[in-house]
Amino acid sequence: MPPETEHAVRCHLDTLLADRGMTLAQLADEVGVSVVNLSVLKNGRARAIRFSTLTALCRVLNCSVGELLSVE
Protein backbone atom coordinates (compact mmCIF):
# COMPACT_ATOMS: atom_id res chain seq x y z
CA MET A 1 0.00 0.00 0.00
CA PRO A 2 1.17 3.55 -0.58
CA PRO A 3 2.56 5.19 2.57
CA GLU A 4 -0.23 7.75 2.71
CA THR A 5 -2.90 5.05 3.10
CA GLU A 6 -1.12 2.76 5.58
CA HIS A 7 0.79 3.71 8.69
CA ALA A 8 2.22 1.90 11.69
CA VAL A 9 1.04 4.34 14.40
CA ARG A 10 -1.43 2.75 16.81
CA CYS A 11 -3.67 4.62 19.23
CA HIS A 12 -4.37 3.10 22.64
CA LEU A 13 -7.32 5.30 23.54
CA ASP A 14 -9.59 2.31 24.26
CA THR A 15 -7.24 0.97 26.90
CA LEU A 16 -6.65 4.36 28.51
CA LEU A 17 -10.38 5.11 28.66
CA ALA A 18 -11.14 1.71 30.18
CA ASP A 19 -8.35 2.09 32.76
CA ARG A 20 -9.75 5.47 33.80
CA GLY A 21 -13.43 4.51 33.70
CA MET A 22 -14.19 7.22 31.14
CA THR A 23 -16.41 7.24 28.09
CA LEU A 24 -15.49 8.75 24.77
CA ALA A 25 -18.21 11.38 25.30
CA GLN A 26 -16.73 12.39 28.67
CA LEU A 27 -13.28 12.67 27.14
CA ALA A 28 -14.63 14.73 24.25
CA ASP A 29 -16.25 17.18 26.68
CA GLU A 30 -13.09 17.55 28.75
CA VAL A 31 -10.73 17.86 25.78
CA GLY A 32 -12.99 20.05 23.65
CA VAL A 33 -12.90 17.77 20.61
CA SER A 34 -15.92 16.17 18.97
CA VAL A 35 -16.82 12.56 19.73
CA VAL A 36 -16.62 11.88 15.99
CA ASN A 37 -13.01 13.10 15.78
CA LEU A 38 -12.01 11.10 18.84
CA SER A 39 -13.73 8.04 17.39
CA VAL A 40 -11.70 8.42 14.18
CA LEU A 41 -8.53 8.56 16.28
CA LYS A 42 -9.59 5.64 18.50
CA ASN A 43 -10.41 3.42 15.53
CA GLY A 44 -7.09 4.04 13.77
CA ARG A 45 -8.54 6.03 10.88
CA ALA A 46 -6.93 9.36 11.75
CA ARG A 47 -4.33 10.68 9.34
CA ALA A 48 -3.07 13.46 11.62
CA ILE A 49 -3.47 14.93 15.09
CA ARG A 50 -2.83 18.48 16.22
CA PHE A 51 -0.22 18.93 18.93
CA SER A 52 -2.78 20.93 20.91
CA THR A 53 -5.21 17.99 20.79
CA LEU A 54 -2.46 15.55 21.71
CA THR A 55 -1.45 17.76 24.64
CA ALA A 56 -5.07 18.03 25.85
CA LEU A 57 -5.61 14.27 25.59
CA CYS A 58 -2.47 13.54 27.58
CA ARG A 59 -3.44 16.11 30.24
CA VAL A 60 -6.96 14.79 30.69
CA LEU A 61 -5.91 11.13 30.58
CA ASN A 62 -2.83 11.82 32.73
CA CYS A 63 -0.61 9.90 30.34
CA SER A 64 2.40 10.38 28.11
CA VAL A 65 2.34 10.48 24.33
CA GLY A 66 4.05 7.08 24.37
CA GLU A 67 1.18 5.61 26.37
CA LEU A 68 -1.38 7.03 23.95
CA LEU A 69 0.44 6.28 20.68
CA SER A 70 2.94 3.67 19.61
CA VAL A 71 4.62 2.63 16.37
CA GLU A 72 4.38 -1.00 15.39
C-alpha atoms as a PDB file:
ATOM      1  CA  MET A   1       0.000   0.000   0.000  1.00  0.00           C
ATOM      2  CA  PRO A   2       1.166   3.555  -0.578  1.00  0.00           C
ATOM      3  CA  PRO A   3       2.564   5.186   2.571  1.00  0.00           C
ATOM      4  CA  GLU A   4      -0.232   7.751   2.713  1.00  0.00           C
ATOM      5  CA  THR A   5      -2.897   5.051   3.103  1.00  0.00           C
ATOM      6  CA  GLU A   6      -1.118   2.765   5.575  1.00  0.00           C
ATOM      7  CA  HIS A   7       0.786   3.709   8.694  1.00  0.00           C
ATOM      8  CA  ALA A   8       2.218   1.903  11.692  1.00  0.00           C
ATOM      9  CA  VAL A   9       1.037   4.337  14.402  1.00  0.00           C
ATOM     10  CA  ARG A  10      -1.431   2.753  16.808  1.00  0.00           C
ATOM     11  CA  CYS A  11      -3.666   4.619  19.232  1.00  0.00           C
ATOM     12  CA  HIS A  12      -4.366   3.101  22.640  1.00  0.00           C
ATOM     13  CA  LEU A  13      -7.317   5.300  23.536  1.00  0.00           C
ATOM     14  CA  ASP A  14      -9.591   2.310  24.260  1.00  0.00           C
ATOM     15  CA  THR A  15      -7.238   0.974  26.901  1.00  0.00           C
ATOM     16  CA  LEU A  16      -6.646   4.362  28.507  1.00  0.00           C
ATOM     17  CA  LEU A  17     -10.378   5.114  28.659  1.00  0.00           C
ATOM     18  CA  ALA A  18     -11.143   1.712  30.183  1.00  0.00           C
ATOM     19  CA  ASP A  19      -8.348   2.092  32.758  1.00  0.00           C
ATOM     20  CA  ARG A  20      -9.748   5.475  33.797  1.00  0.00           C
ATOM     21  CA  GLY A  21     -13.427   4.509  33.695  1.00  0.00           C
ATOM     22  CA  MET A  22     -14.191   7.219  31.141  1.00  0.00           C
ATOM     23  CA  THR A  23     -16.410   7.238  28.093  1.00  0.00           C
ATOM     24  CA  LEU A  24     -15.486   8.749  24.772  1.00  0.00           C
ATOM     25  CA  ALA A  25     -18.207  11.377  25.303  1.00  0.00           C
ATOM     26  CA  GLN A  26     -16.734  12.388  28.675  1.00  0.00           C
ATOM     27  CA  LEU A  27     -13.275  12.668  27.141  1.00  0.00           C
ATOM     28  CA  ALA A  28     -14.629  14.729  24.248  1.00  0.00           C
ATOM     29  CA  ASP A  29     -16.252  17.176  26.681  1.00  0.00           C
ATOM     30  CA  GLU A  30     -13.093  17.547  28.752  1.00  0.00           C
ATOM     31  CA  VAL A  31     -10.731  17.862  25.782  1.00  0.00           C
ATOM     32  CA  GLY A  32     -12.988  20.054  23.646  1.00  0.00           C
ATOM     33  CA  VAL A  33     -12.896  17.766  20.607  1.00  0.00           C
ATOM     34  CA  SER A  34     -15.917  16.167  18.968  1.00  0.00           C
ATOM     35  CA  VAL A  35     -16.821  12.565  19.727  1.00  0.00           C
ATOM     36  CA  VAL A  36     -16.622  11.876  15.986  1.00  0.00           C
ATOM     37  CA  ASN A  37     -13.014  13.104  15.779  1.00  0.00           C
ATOM     38  CA  LEU A  38     -12.008  11.096  18.844  1.00  0.00           C
ATOM     39  CA  SER A  39     -13.727   8.038  17.391  1.00  0.00           C
ATOM     40  CA  VAL A  40     -11.696   8.418  14.184  1.00  0.00           C
ATOM     41  CA  LEU A  41      -8.525   8.555  16.281  1.00  0.00           C
ATOM     42  CA  LYS A  42      -9.591   5.642  18.498  1.00  0.00           C
ATOM     43  CA  ASN A  43     -10.414   3.420  15.532  1.00  0.00           C
ATOM     44  CA  GLY A  44      -7.089   4.045  13.772  1.00  0.00           C
ATOM     45  CA  ARG A  45      -8.539   6.025  10.885  1.00  0.00           C
ATOM     46  CA  ALA A  46      -6.927   9.364  11.752  1.00  0.00           C
ATOM     47  CA  ARG A  47      -4.326  10.677   9.344  1.00  0.00           C
ATOM     48  CA  ALA A  48      -3.074  13.460  11.622  1.00  0.00           C
ATOM     49  CA  ILE A  49      -3.475  14.931  15.088  1.00  0.00           C
ATOM     50  CA  ARG A  50      -2.827  18.482  16.219  1.00  0.00           C
ATOM     51  CA  PHE A  51      -0.224  18.926  18.926  1.00  0.00           C
ATOM     52  CA  SER A  52      -2.785  20.927  20.914  1.00  0.00           C
ATOM     53  CA  THR A  53      -5.213  17.988  20.792  1.00  0.00           C
ATOM     54  CA  LEU A  54      -2.464  15.550  21.709  1.00  0.00           C
ATOM     55  CA  THR A  55      -1.454  17.760  24.640  1.00  0.00           C
ATOM     56  CA  ALA A  56      -5.066  18.030  25.851  1.00  0.00           C
ATOM     57  CA  LEU A  57      -5.612  14.274  25.589  1.00  0.00           C
ATOM     58  CA  CYS A  58      -2.470  13.543  27.580  1.00  0.00           C
ATOM     59  CA  ARG A  59      -3.444  16.107  30.244  1.00  0.00           C
ATOM     60  CA  VAL A  60      -6.961  14.788  30.689  1.00  0.00           C
ATOM     61  CA  LEU A  61      -5.911  11.131  30.582  1.00  0.00           C
ATOM     62  CA  ASN A  62      -2.835  11.824  32.726  1.00  0.00           C
ATOM     63  CA  CYS A  63      -0.608   9.900  30.336  1.00  0.00           C
ATOM     64  CA  SER A  64       2.402  10.380  28.112  1.00  0.00           C
ATOM     65  CA  VAL A  65       2.342  10.482  24.329  1.00  0.00           C
ATOM     66  CA  GLY A  66       4.049   7.077  24.373  1.00  0.00           C
ATOM     67  CA  GLU A  67       1.177   5.611  26.375  1.00  0.00           C
ATOM     68  CA  LEU A  68      -1.377   7.032  23.948  1.00  0.00           C
ATOM     69  CA  LEU A  69       0.435   6.280  20.681  1.00  0.00           C
ATOM     70  CA  SER A  70       2.944   3.668  19.614  1.00  0.00           C
ATOM     71  CA  VAL A  71       4.620   2.633  16.372  1.00  0.00           C
ATOM     72  CA  GLU A  72       4.377  -1.002  15.387  1.00  0.00           C
END
